[in-house]
Structures are given as C-alpha cells and as structure tokens.
Amino acid sequence: MKILPLHDEPPEEARAELEERAAALRERPQEEDDVPTVWVAEFPVGSERCAIPLERMRAVLPLRGVTPLPLAPSHVLGLLRFEGRALSAHSLAALLGVRGWTRDPSVLVVVEDGVGGLVAFDCERVPIPRALPLSVVQEARKGEVLPPGEPPLRLLDVPALFAGEVDRVR
C-alpha cells in the first residue's frame, strides 16, 4: 500500500518564497525599546515598494477568482465574491500609474475602502507584515517612507486611492 500526500507539493518558485519568508520570520527583529510602531503590509508594485496600514487589510485571495467585466474602466479587473458580498477588483499598477510589473500578479488583497466597504487590488505576491516606527510613518504622510539602509517605501492612503485622489496617494 502506498501512502500519497493529500495535496501536491508547491511549485519550486512558491517553495523558495515560503522558505524565504520563514527565514525572515525566524530572525529576531532589531527593536528599539519604547519606540511606538505601526504595522504595515509591504508588497512590490513594479519596481516600487508599497505598503498599506495592516489594520485596513482583510484578506489575500487567489487572482483566479475574479470574473471580468466587459467595458469596465481600465483599472477595473472585475468582480469577486468574498464572505457573501460582491467586491470590485482593481489593478493597483493602473491606479498608481506604474508601468509594468516585475512579474504577473497572482493574488488579490482585500482592504477596507475607508467608507465602510471592501475592495480588492491585484498584487505580485502576498504582502509581508512589518513594523515601522510611528515617527517615520507620520513623516511619510508628506512623501515616502525612508527606512534606514533600505530603498524608499511608498505608504498608500487606501481611501484616497479608491476615491480617485491619486495625488494624495503619491
């Protein structure tokens, strides 16, 4: 009798990404004592690094669950069902005016839209949670977050993003 696994092994690319995340989680964060922090979800958008406040994030779903909408605006990918509701799915690159992805989006990130509803946007990979010092986030409201020794991190204002106020998002 041969025992088979319940699920197929993940593809090599997915396995490498999961191992990378596990290694990052095993590392002890270098925290400064008594420094207030804000948790964000970080993800790539093309060549940029972006983040949203973690408290706005509700779920990460596979992109294949989207039903396309013919004649919809270019930033609208389609509709999906989430917890019994129909949500609109959007192209984050189109909303931000970013040209091209480094790889094709594979997931949808479901977030609060700031007016009591939920919306989704596509993403290259599952966002990574990280803590940023509160002072850095407050400074970022004027521009980009510049974590020491790292490339700029763009903190997105989710309500402004989906209200069409792209200037406030940038």
Protein backbone atom coordinates (compact mmCIF):
# COMPACT_ATOMS: atom_id res chain seq x y z
CA MET A 1 0.00 0.00 0.00
CA LYS A 2 1.35 3.38 -0.99
CA ILE A 3 0.50 6.48 1.05
CA LEU A 4 0.04 9.63 -1.01
CA PRO A 5 0.05 13.20 0.29
CA LEU A 6 -3.30 14.98 0.42
CA HIS A 7 -2.01 17.90 -1.63
CA ASP A 8 0.53 18.25 -4.40
CA GLU A 9 3.86 19.75 -3.47
CA PRO A 10 4.01 23.51 -4.12
CA PRO A 11 5.94 24.62 -7.21
CA GLU A 12 9.66 25.29 -6.69
CA GLU A 13 9.14 29.09 -7.01
CA ALA A 14 6.44 29.07 -4.32
CA ARG A 15 8.54 26.82 -2.08
CA ALA A 16 11.52 29.21 -2.36
CA GLU A 17 9.32 32.19 -1.47
CA LEU A 18 7.84 30.35 1.52
CA GLU A 19 11.30 29.36 2.76
CA GLU A 20 12.48 32.98 2.37
CA ARG A 21 9.52 34.22 4.43
CA ALA A 22 10.09 31.57 7.10
CA ALA A 23 13.75 32.61 7.40
CA ALA A 24 12.72 36.27 7.73
CA LEU A 25 10.21 35.40 10.46
CA ARG A 26 12.81 33.35 12.36
CA GLU A 27 15.16 36.33 12.54
CA ARG A 28 14.73 38.40 15.67
CA PRO A 29 13.71 41.96 14.79
CA GLN A 30 16.08 44.65 15.97
CA GLU A 31 13.62 46.59 18.09
CA GLU A 32 14.40 49.71 19.97
CA ASP A 33 12.89 49.89 23.44
CA ASP A 34 9.85 52.12 23.95
CA VAL A 35 9.59 53.18 20.28
CA PRO A 36 5.93 53.25 19.14
CA THR A 37 5.42 51.35 15.90
CA VAL A 38 2.79 51.00 13.20
CA TRP A 39 2.25 47.68 11.42
CA VAL A 40 2.04 47.80 7.63
CA ALA A 41 1.67 45.23 4.85
CA GLU A 42 4.53 45.65 2.36
CA PHE A 43 4.43 44.47 -1.27
CA PRO A 44 6.07 45.27 -4.62
CA VAL A 45 4.33 47.20 -7.40
CA GLY A 46 6.58 47.04 -10.43
CA SER A 47 9.96 48.34 -9.33
CA GLU A 48 8.48 50.22 -6.34
CA ARG A 49 7.88 49.02 -2.79
CA CYS A 50 4.47 49.97 -1.38
CA ALA A 51 2.69 49.46 1.94
CA ILE A 52 -0.76 49.87 3.43
CA PRO A 53 -1.68 50.05 7.12
CA LEU A 54 -2.18 46.46 8.28
CA GLU A 55 -5.44 47.35 10.04
CA ARG A 56 -7.04 48.06 6.63
CA MET A 57 -6.15 44.63 5.20
CA ARG A 58 -8.82 41.92 5.43
CA ALA A 59 -7.69 39.00 3.23
CA VAL A 60 -5.45 37.74 0.45
CA LEU A 61 -7.17 35.66 -2.23
CA PRO A 62 -6.11 33.94 -5.47
CA LEU A 63 -6.47 36.16 -8.53
CA ARG A 64 -8.25 33.42 -10.49
CA GLY A 65 -11.49 34.10 -8.55
CA VAL A 66 -12.15 37.35 -10.47
CA THR A 67 -14.95 37.50 -13.05
CA PRO A 68 -14.00 40.00 -15.80
CA LEU A 69 -16.34 42.93 -16.54
CA PRO A 70 -16.59 43.86 -20.22
CA LEU A 71 -16.45 47.61 -20.98
CA ALA A 72 -15.24 48.45 -17.44
CA PRO A 73 -12.62 51.19 -16.93
CA SER A 74 -9.04 50.04 -17.49
CA HIS A 75 -8.21 49.89 -13.77
CA VAL A 76 -11.17 47.57 -13.01
CA LEU A 77 -10.26 43.89 -13.28
CA GLY A 78 -13.73 42.58 -12.46
CA LEU A 79 -15.85 41.26 -9.60
CA LEU A 80 -15.31 38.58 -6.98
CA ARG A 81 -17.29 37.04 -4.14
CA PHE A 82 -15.95 37.49 -0.63
CA GLU A 83 -17.87 36.50 2.50
CA GLY A 84 -21.16 36.58 0.61
CA ARG A 85 -20.55 40.01 -0.93
CA ALA A 86 -19.60 41.10 -4.43
CA LEU A 87 -16.40 43.18 -4.43
CA SER A 88 -14.75 45.12 -7.20
CA ALA A 89 -11.18 44.12 -8.06
CA HIS A 90 -8.78 46.78 -9.34
CA SER A 91 -5.35 46.93 -10.96
CA LEU A 92 -3.09 48.67 -8.44
CA ALA A 93 -0.50 49.45 -11.10
CA ALA A 94 -3.16 51.22 -13.20
CA LEU A 95 -4.45 53.17 -10.18
CA LEU A 96 -0.93 54.33 -9.29
CA GLY A 97 0.20 54.91 -12.87
CA VAL A 98 3.04 52.39 -12.55
CA ARG A 99 4.27 50.93 -15.83
CA GLY A 100 4.68 47.17 -15.76
CA TRP A 101 5.05 44.54 -13.11
CA THR A 102 8.25 42.65 -12.32
CA ARG A 103 6.12 39.50 -12.51
CA ASP A 104 2.44 38.83 -13.18
CA PRO A 105 0.10 39.46 -10.23
CA SER A 106 -1.04 36.24 -8.58
CA VAL A 107 -3.12 37.40 -5.62
CA LEU A 108 -5.80 39.90 -4.66
CA VAL A 109 -5.51 41.92 -1.47
CA VAL A 110 -8.90 42.74 0.10
CA VAL A 111 -8.86 46.03 2.02
CA GLU A 112 -11.29 48.42 3.71
CA ASP A 113 -12.03 51.30 1.36
CA GLY A 114 -12.45 53.91 4.10
CA VAL A 115 -16.22 54.35 3.69
CA GLY A 116 -17.38 51.10 5.27
CA GLY A 117 -16.92 48.83 2.28
CA LEU A 118 -14.33 46.43 0.95
CA VAL A 119 -12.42 46.48 -2.34
CA ALA A 120 -9.61 44.37 -3.76
CA PHE A 121 -6.47 45.09 -5.77
CA ASP A 122 -4.04 42.80 -7.53
CA CYS A 123 -0.56 42.17 -6.19
CA GLU A 124 2.55 40.31 -7.37
CA ARG A 125 2.81 38.35 -4.13
CA VAL A 126 1.32 38.07 -0.66
CA PRO A 127 2.14 41.23 1.35
CA ILE A 128 4.70 40.92 4.14
CA PRO A 129 3.82 42.41 7.55
CA ARG A 130 6.42 44.68 9.12
CA ALA A 131 6.60 47.26 11.87
CA LEU A 132 7.67 50.82 11.11
CA PRO A 133 8.45 53.47 13.71
CA LEU A 134 5.47 55.78 14.19
CA SER A 135 7.67 58.84 13.63
CA VAL A 136 8.71 57.50 10.20
CA VAL A 137 5.06 56.86 9.23
CA GLN A 138 4.00 60.36 10.32
CA GLU A 139 6.84 61.80 8.24
CA ALA A 140 5.71 59.61 5.31
CA ARG A 141 2.34 61.30 5.17
CA LYS A 142 4.33 64.09 3.48
CA GLY A 143 6.05 61.74 0.99
CA GLU A 144 7.78 58.35 1.02
CA VAL A 145 8.95 56.29 3.98
CA LEU A 146 12.73 56.02 4.06
CA PRO A 147 13.61 53.12 6.36
CA PRO A 148 17.32 53.36 7.23
CA GLY A 149 19.50 51.47 4.75
CA GLU A 150 16.58 50.45 2.51
CA PRO A 151 15.04 51.74 -0.73
CA PRO A 152 12.02 54.09 -0.37
CA LEU A 153 8.72 52.57 0.73
CA ARG A 154 5.54 54.21 -0.56
CA LEU A 155 2.81 54.31 2.10
CA LEU A 156 -0.56 54.22 0.31
CA ASP A 157 -3.63 56.09 1.54
CA VAL A 158 -6.29 53.46 0.74
CA PRO A 159 -9.39 55.73 0.97
CA ALA A 160 -7.74 58.31 -1.32
CA LEU A 161 -6.61 55.58 -3.72
CA PHE A 162 -10.12 54.25 -4.29
CA ALA A 163 -11.73 57.70 -4.20
CA GLY A 164 -9.67 58.60 -7.26
CA GLU A 165 -7.46 61.10 -5.44
CA VAL A 166 -4.19 59.72 -6.81
CA ASP A 167 -2.28 62.92 -5.95
CA ARG A 168 -2.85 62.25 -2.22
CA VAL A 169 -1.66 58.67 -2.66
CA ARG A 170 1.66 59.57 -4.30
